[in-house]
């Protein structure tokens, strides 16, 4: 009986570890010209895909009163915008090269990324 309990506990623990490391995946996304990002304890969604050579609009809406999330910085595009609480702020991008570009807050504590394809 003891061996059965230990075996069942071990299998449950293996399943929990597998789910923790391999089960949390973001769904597949498609490239869009317009994205809405909610700023609440981070950026949701944290990863967006936009097409190269087309103007795209990213609209940030901050719902978190934390002073860290007051501004969004996209260093590769030389963008630094203040995000007022509960008011959408639209940023237009026209990327000319493909790649992965970072987004972060004013204190560099919360991160996201823009993938240009």
Protein backbone atom coordinates (compact mmCIF):
# COMPACT_ATOMS: atom_id res chain seq x y z
CA UNK A 1 0.00 0.00 0.00
CA UNK A 2 2.86 2.38 0.83
CA UNK A 3 4.48 1.76 -2.56
CA UNK A 4 1.19 2.55 -4.32
CA UNK A 5 0.79 5.86 -2.47
CA UNK A 6 4.39 6.87 -3.15
CA UNK A 7 4.07 5.91 -6.84
CA UNK A 8 0.83 7.90 -7.24
CA UNK A 9 2.36 10.91 -5.46
CA UNK A 10 5.45 10.70 -7.71
CA UNK A 11 3.38 10.53 -10.89
CA UNK A 12 1.30 13.51 -9.74
CA UNK A 13 4.46 15.47 -9.01
CA UNK A 14 5.90 14.63 -12.44
CA UNK A 15 2.66 15.80 -14.11
CA UNK A 16 2.72 19.07 -12.11
CA UNK A 17 6.33 19.77 -13.08
CA UNK A 18 5.62 18.99 -16.72
CA UNK A 19 2.61 21.34 -16.75
CA UNK A 20 4.57 24.12 -15.01
CA UNK A 21 7.46 24.13 -17.46
CA UNK A 22 5.81 23.04 -20.71
CA UNK A 23 2.11 23.80 -20.32
CA UNK A 24 2.20 27.61 -20.13
CA UNK A 25 2.50 28.66 -23.75
CA UNK A 26 1.06 31.71 -25.40
CA UNK A 27 -1.22 30.87 -28.28
CA UNK A 28 -0.10 31.43 -31.82
CA UNK A 29 -0.57 35.02 -32.93
CA UNK A 30 -0.87 36.56 -36.33
CA UNK A 31 0.62 39.81 -37.53
CA UNK A 32 -1.83 42.70 -37.23
CA UNK A 33 -1.76 46.40 -38.05
CA UNK A 34 -3.44 47.40 -34.78
CA UNK A 35 -2.93 46.09 -31.26
CA UNK A 36 -4.50 47.00 -27.93
CA UNK A 37 -2.25 46.44 -24.93
CA UNK A 38 -3.56 46.61 -21.38
CA UNK A 39 -0.94 47.80 -18.90
CA UNK A 40 -1.83 46.09 -15.64
CA UNK A 41 0.93 44.36 -13.69
CA UNK A 42 2.83 44.19 -16.98
CA UNK A 43 1.85 44.28 -20.63
CA UNK A 44 -1.03 42.10 -21.83
CA UNK A 45 -0.35 40.75 -24.38
CA UNK A 46 3.39 40.91 -23.71
CA UNK A 47 4.33 39.85 -27.25
CA UNK A 48 2.85 41.32 -30.41
CA UNK A 49 3.59 40.73 -34.08
CA UNK A 50 3.44 43.52 -36.64
CA UNK A 51 4.26 43.50 -40.37
CA UNK A 52 7.40 45.17 -41.73
CA UNK A 53 6.92 48.16 -44.00
CA UNK A 54 3.33 48.95 -42.97
CA UNK A 55 2.21 51.52 -40.45
CA UNK A 56 0.94 49.80 -37.32
CA UNK A 57 -0.78 51.28 -34.30
CA UNK A 58 -0.26 50.06 -30.76
CA UNK A 59 -2.75 51.43 -28.23
CA UNK A 60 -1.71 51.23 -24.58
CA UNK A 61 -4.33 51.56 -21.81
CA UNK A 62 -2.86 51.74 -18.30
CA UNK A 63 -5.12 50.33 -15.57
CA UNK A 64 -2.42 49.89 -12.92
CA UNK A 65 -1.81 52.96 -10.70
CA UNK A 66 1.83 51.94 -10.13
CA UNK A 67 4.21 54.78 -10.94
CA UNK A 68 6.57 52.29 -12.60
CA UNK A 69 4.08 51.71 -15.41
CA UNK A 70 3.50 55.44 -16.05
CA UNK A 71 5.57 55.39 -19.19
CA UNK A 72 6.33 52.97 -21.96
CA UNK A 73 9.71 52.95 -23.67
CA UNK A 74 10.50 51.35 -27.01
CA UNK A 75 14.22 52.11 -27.32
CA UNK A 76 14.81 50.77 -30.84
CA UNK A 77 12.20 53.19 -32.21
CA UNK A 78 13.25 56.05 -29.89
CA UNK A 79 9.77 56.20 -28.31
CA UNK A 80 9.06 57.25 -24.73
CA UNK A 81 5.39 57.95 -23.93
CA UNK A 82 3.58 58.88 -20.73
CA UNK A 83 0.56 56.65 -20.06
CA UNK A 84 -2.20 58.40 -18.08
CA UNK A 85 -4.39 56.15 -15.97
CA UNK A 86 -7.41 54.66 -17.83
CA UNK A 87 -6.80 56.68 -21.01
CA UNK A 88 -5.70 55.03 -24.27
CA UNK A 89 -2.47 56.25 -25.84
CA UNK A 90 -1.88 55.31 -29.48
CA UNK A 91 1.64 54.92 -30.84
CA UNK A 92 2.21 54.58 -34.59
CA UNK A 93 5.13 52.51 -35.84
CA UNK A 94 6.45 51.98 -39.35
CA UNK A 95 9.21 49.40 -38.93
CA UNK A 96 11.62 49.09 -41.83
CA UNK A 97 13.51 46.01 -40.65
CA UNK A 98 12.51 42.67 -39.20
CA UNK A 99 13.53 41.51 -35.74
CA UNK A 100 12.54 41.40 -32.09
CA UNK A 101 12.34 44.76 -30.34
CA UNK A 102 11.89 45.30 -26.62
CA UNK A 103 9.27 47.29 -24.71
CA UNK A 104 9.76 48.23 -21.08
CA UNK A 105 8.43 50.50 -18.38
CA UNK A 106 10.17 53.62 -17.10
CA UNK A 107 12.00 51.69 -14.37
CA UNK A 108 12.86 48.75 -16.68
CA UNK A 109 11.01 46.28 -14.44
CA UNK A 110 8.23 45.14 -16.80
CA UNK A 111 9.02 43.94 -20.31
CA UNK A 112 7.33 43.01 -23.55
CA UNK A 113 8.40 42.59 -27.13
CA UNK A 114 7.43 43.54 -30.64
CA UNK A 115 8.19 41.02 -33.34
CA UNK A 116 8.40 42.51 -36.82
CA UNK A 117 7.99 40.00 -39.64
